[in-house]
C-alpha atoms as a PDB file:
ATOM      1  CA  MET A   1       2.074   5.063   7.717  1.00  0.00           C
ATOM      2  CA  THR A   2      -0.346   2.555   7.282  1.00  0.00           C
ATOM      3  CA  GLU A   3      -2.618   0.529   5.195  1.00  0.00           C
ATOM      4  CA  ARG A   4      -6.287   1.784   6.129  1.00  0.00           C
ATOM      5  CA  GLN A   5      -9.424   0.147   6.579  1.00  0.00           C
ATOM      6  CA  ILE A   6     -11.889   0.924   3.677  1.00  0.00           C
ATOM      7  CA  ARG A   7     -15.196   2.397   4.078  1.00  0.00           C
ATOM      8  CA  LEU A   8     -18.033   0.441   2.854  1.00  0.00           C
ATOM      9  CA  PHE A   9     -21.406   1.307   1.129  1.00  0.00           C
ATOM     10  CA  GLY A  10     -23.748   2.980   3.276  1.00  0.00           C
ATOM     11  CA  ASP A  11     -21.015   5.173   4.946  1.00  0.00           C
ATOM     12  CA  PRO A  12     -21.946   8.978   4.349  1.00  0.00           C
ATOM     13  CA  VAL A  13     -18.291  10.083   3.290  1.00  0.00           C
ATOM     14  CA  LEU A  14     -18.501   8.042   0.419  1.00  0.00           C
ATOM     15  CA  LYS A  15     -21.538   9.985  -1.040  1.00  0.00           C
ATOM     16  CA  THR A  16     -20.178  13.660  -0.193  1.00  0.00           C
ATOM     17  CA  ARG A  17     -18.298  15.744  -2.283  1.00  0.00           C
ATOM     18  CA  SER A  18     -14.584  15.917  -1.234  1.00  0.00           C
ATOM     19  CA  ALA A  19     -12.931  19.130  -0.428  1.00  0.00           C
ATOM     20  CA  GLU A  20     -10.119  20.740  -2.398  1.00  0.00           C
ATOM     21  CA  ILE A  21      -6.652  20.635  -0.879  1.00  0.00           C
ATOM     22  CA  VAL A  22      -5.656  24.249   0.018  1.00  0.00           C
ATOM     23  CA  ASP A  23      -2.620  23.404   2.281  1.00  0.00           C
ATOM     24  CA  ILE A  24      -0.056  20.891   1.672  1.00  0.00           C
ATOM     25  CA  ASP A  25       0.903  19.939   5.317  1.00  0.00           C
ATOM     26  CA  ASP A  26       2.020  16.919   7.185  1.00  0.00           C
ATOM     27  CA  GLY A  27      -1.361  15.868   7.456  1.00  0.00           C
ATOM     28  CA  VAL A  28      -1.914  15.909   3.673  1.00  0.00           C
ATOM     29  CA  ARG A  29       1.839  14.070   3.126  1.00  0.00           C
ATOM     30  CA  SER A  30       0.730  11.400   5.862  1.00  0.00           C
ATOM     31  CA  LEU A  31      -2.816  11.111   4.046  1.00  0.00           C
ATOM     32  CA  VAL A  32      -0.604  10.288   0.545  1.00  0.00           C
ATOM     33  CA  ALA A  33       1.551   8.042   2.586  1.00  0.00           C
ATOM     34  CA  ASP A  34      -1.555   6.122   3.697  1.00  0.00           C
ATOM     35  CA  LEU A  35      -3.388   5.951   0.239  1.00  0.00           C
ATOM     36  CA  LEU A  36      -0.033   4.418  -1.231  1.00  0.00           C
ATOM     37  CA  ASP A  37       0.185   1.983   1.524  1.00  0.00           C
ATOM     38  CA  SER A  38      -3.566   1.041   0.900  1.00  0.00           C
ATOM     39  CA  VAL A  39      -3.372   0.561  -2.832  1.00  0.00           C
ATOM     40  CA  ARG A  40      -0.398  -1.472  -2.751  1.00  0.00           C
ATOM     41  CA  LEU A  41      -2.452  -4.599  -1.793  1.00  0.00           C
ATOM     42  CA  GLU A  42      -2.840  -7.228  -4.426  1.00  0.00           C
ATOM     43  CA  GLY A  43      -6.099  -6.435  -6.552  1.00  0.00           C
ATOM     44  CA  ARG A  44      -6.313  -2.542  -5.831  1.00  0.00           C
ATOM     45  CA  ALA A  45      -6.281  -0.219  -8.817  1.00  0.00           C
ATOM     46  CA  GLY A  46      -6.983   2.848  -6.791  1.00  0.00           C
ATOM     47  CA  VAL A  47      -7.960   4.075  -3.319  1.00  0.00           C
ATOM     48  CA  ALA A  48      -9.724   7.545  -2.824  1.00  0.00           C
ATOM     49  CA  ALA A  49      -9.224   9.434   0.435  1.00  0.00           C
ATOM     50  CA  PRO A  50     -13.239   9.090   1.276  1.00  0.00           C
ATOM     51  CA  GLN A  51     -12.484   5.398   1.076  1.00  0.00           C
ATOM     52  CA  ILE A  52     -10.473   5.821   3.930  1.00  0.00           C
ATOM     53  CA  GLY A  53     -12.594   8.304   5.727  1.00  0.00           C
ATOM     54  CA  VAL A  54     -11.246  11.390   4.691  1.00  0.00           C
ATOM     55  CA  ASN A  55     -13.035  13.862   2.663  1.00  0.00           C
ATOM     56  CA  LEU A  56      -9.964  15.537   0.629  1.00  0.00           C
ATOM     57  CA  ARG A  57      -9.485  15.580  -3.054  1.00  0.00           C
ATOM     58  CA  ALA A  58      -6.831  12.816  -3.208  1.00  0.00           C
ATOM     59  CA  PHE A  59      -6.362   9.342  -4.593  1.00  0.00           C
ATOM     60  CA  SER A  60      -3.670   6.619  -4.991  1.00  0.00           C
ATOM     61  CA  TYR A  61      -3.500   4.603  -8.247  1.00  0.00           C
ATOM     62  CA  ASN A  62      -1.784   0.954  -8.826  1.00  0.00           C
ATOM     63  CA  VAL A  63      -2.346  -0.614 -12.261  1.00  0.00           C
ATOM     64  CA  GLY A  64       0.671  -2.245 -13.837  1.00  0.00           C
ATOM     65  CA  GLU A  65       3.797  -0.329 -14.036  1.00  0.00           C
ATOM     66  CA  SER A  66       1.699   2.821 -12.813  1.00  0.00           C
ATOM     67  CA  PHE A  67       1.888   3.748  -9.247  1.00  0.00           C
ATOM     68  CA  GLY A  68       1.215   7.019  -7.668  1.00  0.00           C
ATOM     69  CA  TYR A  69      -0.844   9.680  -6.238  1.00  0.00           C
ATOM     70  CA  LEU A  70      -2.821  12.930  -7.507  1.00  0.00           C
ATOM     71  CA  LEU A  71      -3.971  15.761  -5.144  1.00  0.00           C
ATOM     72  CA  ASN A  72      -6.920  17.820  -6.461  1.00  0.00           C
ATOM     73  CA  PRO A  73      -7.285  15.930  -9.465  1.00  0.00           C
ATOM     74  CA  GLU A  74      -9.940  16.873 -12.456  1.00  0.00           C
ATOM     75  CA  ILE A  75     -10.791  14.837 -15.719  1.00  0.00           C
ATOM     76  CA  VAL A  76      -9.303  16.980 -18.222  1.00  0.00           C
ATOM     77  CA  GLU A  77     -10.292  15.088 -21.409  1.00  0.00           C
ATOM     78  CA  LEU A  78     -11.983  11.723 -22.006  1.00  0.00           C
ATOM     79  CA  ARG A  79     -11.241  10.297 -25.207  1.00  0.00           C
ATOM     80  CA  GLY A  80     -13.151   7.238 -27.025  1.00  0.00           C
ATOM     81  CA  GLU A  81     -16.639   5.965 -26.920  1.00  0.00           C
ATOM     82  CA  PRO A  82     -17.943   4.976 -23.759  1.00  0.00           C
ATOM     83  CA  GLU A  83     -17.942   1.350 -23.515  1.00  0.00           C
ATOM     84  CA  LEU A  84     -19.249  -1.228 -21.066  1.00  0.00           C
ATOM     85  CA  VAL A  85     -16.299  -2.522 -18.840  1.00  0.00           C
ATOM     86  CA  ASP A  86     -16.532  -4.961 -15.905  1.00  0.00           C
ATOM     87  CA  GLU A  87     -16.309  -2.856 -12.591  1.00  0.00           C
ATOM     88  CA  GLY A  88     -16.066  -3.350  -8.841  1.00  0.00           C
ATOM     89  CA  CYS A  89     -15.080  -1.110  -5.944  1.00  0.00           C
ATOM     90  CA  LEU A  90     -13.163  -2.165  -2.586  1.00  0.00           C
ATOM     91  CA  SER A  91     -16.212  -0.016  -1.034  1.00  0.00           C
ATOM     92  CA  VAL A  92     -18.789  -2.542  -2.420  1.00  0.00           C
ATOM     93  CA  PRO A  93     -16.910  -5.770  -2.021  1.00  0.00           C
ATOM     94  CA  THR A  94     -17.552  -8.818  -4.426  1.00  0.00           C
ATOM     95  CA  LEU A  95     -20.124  -7.264  -6.608  1.00  0.00           C
ATOM     96  CA  TRP A  96     -18.980  -6.543 -10.411  1.00  0.00           C
ATOM     97  CA  PHE A  97     -21.056  -5.011 -12.932  1.00  0.00           C
ATOM     98  CA  PRO A  98     -20.835  -3.723 -16.304  1.00  0.00           C
ATOM     99  CA  THR A  99     -20.125   0.472 -16.318  1.00  0.00           C
ATOM    100  CA  MET A 100     -19.695   2.751 -18.756  1.00  0.00           C
ATOM    101  CA  ARG A 101     -16.287   4.073 -18.997  1.00  0.00           C
ATOM    102  CA  HIS A 102     -14.134   6.274 -21.903  1.00  0.00           C
ATOM    103  CA  PRO A 103     -11.168   4.144 -22.966  1.00  0.00           C
ATOM    104  CA  GLU A 104      -8.704   6.808 -22.508  1.00  0.00           C
ATOM    105  CA  ALA A 105      -8.698   9.497 -19.693  1.00  0.00           C
ATOM    106  CA  THR A 106      -6.352  12.248 -18.830  1.00  0.00           C
ATOM    107  CA  ILE A 107      -6.602  14.152 -15.725  1.00  0.00           C
ATOM    108  CA  ARG A 108      -4.596  16.933 -13.948  1.00  0.00           C
ATOM    109  CA  GLY A 109      -4.038  17.561 -10.495  1.00  0.00           C
ATOM    110  CA  ILE A 110      -0.928  18.349  -8.131  1.00  0.00           C
ATOM    111  CA  ASP A 111       1.700  16.608  -6.189  1.00  0.00           C
ATOM    112  CA  LEU A 112       3.017  17.162  -2.755  1.00  0.00           C
ATOM    113  CA  ASP A 113       5.207  19.702  -3.914  1.00  0.00           C
ATOM    114  CA  GLY A 114       2.586  21.644  -5.506  1.00  0.00           C
ATOM    115  CA  THR A 115       3.706  21.076  -8.972  1.00  0.00           C
ATOM    116  CA  THR A 116       0.823  20.376 -11.604  1.00  0.00           C
ATOM    117  CA  VAL A 117       0.912  16.756 -12.855  1.00  0.00           C
ATOM    118  CA  GLU A 118      -0.839  15.627 -15.949  1.00  0.00           C
ATOM    119  CA  LEU A 119      -1.324  11.936 -16.452  1.00  0.00           C
ATOM    120  CA  SER A 120      -2.988   9.615 -19.262  1.00  0.00           C
ATOM    121  CA  GLY A 121      -4.225   6.616 -19.446  1.00  0.00           C
ATOM    122  CA  THR A 122      -5.806   3.989 -21.551  1.00  0.00           C
ATOM    123  CA  GLY A 123      -7.784   0.554 -20.631  1.00  0.00           C
ATOM    124  CA  VAL A 124      -7.882  -0.235 -16.552  1.00  0.00           C
ATOM    125  CA  LEU A 125      -5.587   2.663 -15.875  1.00  0.00           C
ATOM    126  CA  ALA A 126      -8.146   5.182 -17.696  1.00  0.00           C
ATOM    127  CA  GLN A 127     -11.061   3.301 -16.031  1.00  0.00           C
ATOM    128  CA  ALA A 128      -9.549   3.907 -12.375  1.00  0.00           C
ATOM    129  CA  PHE A 129      -8.989   7.519 -13.203  1.00  0.00           C
ATOM    130  CA  GLN A 130     -12.470   7.997 -13.733  1.00  0.00           C
ATOM    131  CA  HIS A 131     -13.592   5.647 -11.008  1.00  0.00           C
ATOM    132  CA  GLU A 132     -11.402   7.625  -8.332  1.00  0.00           C
ATOM    133  CA  VAL A 133     -12.620  10.800  -9.339  1.00  0.00           C
ATOM    134  CA  ASP A 134     -16.132   9.844  -9.261  1.00  0.00           C
ATOM    135  CA  HIS A 135     -15.318   8.900  -5.640  1.00  0.00           C
ATOM    136  CA  LEU A 136     -14.165  12.475  -5.032  1.00  0.00           C
ATOM    137  CA  ASP A 137     -17.482  13.754  -6.284  1.00  0.00           C
ATOM    138  CA  GLY A 138     -19.310  11.692  -3.988  1.00  0.00           C
ATOM    139  CA  LEU A 139     -20.419   9.071  -6.495  1.00  0.00           C
ATOM    140  CA  LEU A 140     -20.021   5.202  -6.676  1.00  0.00           C
ATOM    141  CA  TYR A 141     -19.707   3.289  -9.780  1.00  0.00           C
ATOM    142  CA  LEU A 142     -23.361   1.834  -8.882  1.00  0.00           C
ATOM    143  CA  ASP A 143     -24.624   5.485  -9.542  1.00  0.00           C
ATOM    144  CA  ARG A 144     -23.852   5.174 -13.002  1.00  0.00           C
ATOM    145  CA  LEU A 145     -25.442   1.529 -13.873  1.00  0.00           C
ATOM    146  CA  ASP A 146     -28.493   1.223 -15.982  1.00  0.00           C
ATOM    147  CA  LYS A 147     -31.881   1.070 -13.852  1.00  0.00           C
ATOM    148  CA  PRO A 148     -32.073  -2.769 -14.109  1.00  0.00           C
ATOM    149  CA  SER A 149     -28.434  -3.329 -13.507  1.00  0.00           C
ATOM    150  CA  ARG A 150     -28.687  -0.826 -10.216  1.00  0.00           C
ATOM    151  CA  ARG A 151     -31.586  -2.566  -9.189  1.00  0.00           C
ATOM    152  CA  GLU A 152     -29.898  -5.715  -8.999  1.00  0.00           C
ATOM    153  CA  ALA A 153     -26.765  -4.285  -7.555  1.00  0.00           C
ATOM    154  CA  MET A 154     -28.900  -2.890  -4.624  1.00  0.00           C
ATOM    155  CA  LYS A 155     -30.326  -6.349  -4.182  1.00  0.00           C
ATOM    156  CA  GLN A 156     -27.066  -7.833  -3.938  1.00  0.00           C
ATOM    157  CA  VAL A 157     -25.885  -5.398  -1.427  1.00  0.00           C
ATOM    158  CA  ARG A 158     -28.785  -5.727   0.783  1.00  0.00           C
ATOM    159  CA  GLU A 159     -28.188  -9.901   0.798  1.00  0.00           C
ATOM    160  CA  SER A 160     -24.480  -9.269   1.280  1.00  0.00           C
ATOM    161  CA  ASP A 161     -22.608 -10.337   4.422  1.00  0.00           C
ATOM    162  CA  TRP A 162     -20.732  -7.153   4.810  1.00  0.00           C
ATOM    163  CA  PHE A 163     -23.607  -4.811   4.344  1.00  0.00           C
END
């Protein structure tokens, strides 16, 4: 498998709700391998399938000692008062903005065997879970910013050399 190129802000796949995975076939197994290869690079906490151009509900994560993937994830519980945390995104390179996230998150999905998996995380891992599920729902973290921050973010996007 291989590390895949990350789609950037403006690509329609990033604003489209991803389809549920119904059959775990060779294509899905290949997708998971590519997601894992793509998240291994330093500085990557997570990669969602839409970020590599695939409109399916799958993502990989790599935070500290936690490394893996989840298919058809759903957030089952958010704990703690939401707080502003610095957040960036591979699909919006070089931009970081304070974003409201819960400090603890539990998600549930399936693995490649179709077995139900439940994962919990705190801090950056909880933030990554929330961020990646947002991607699968067609949201970017920029969508969660307050109006003044979003206005500034969009200005920086327009002025960036990658847009």
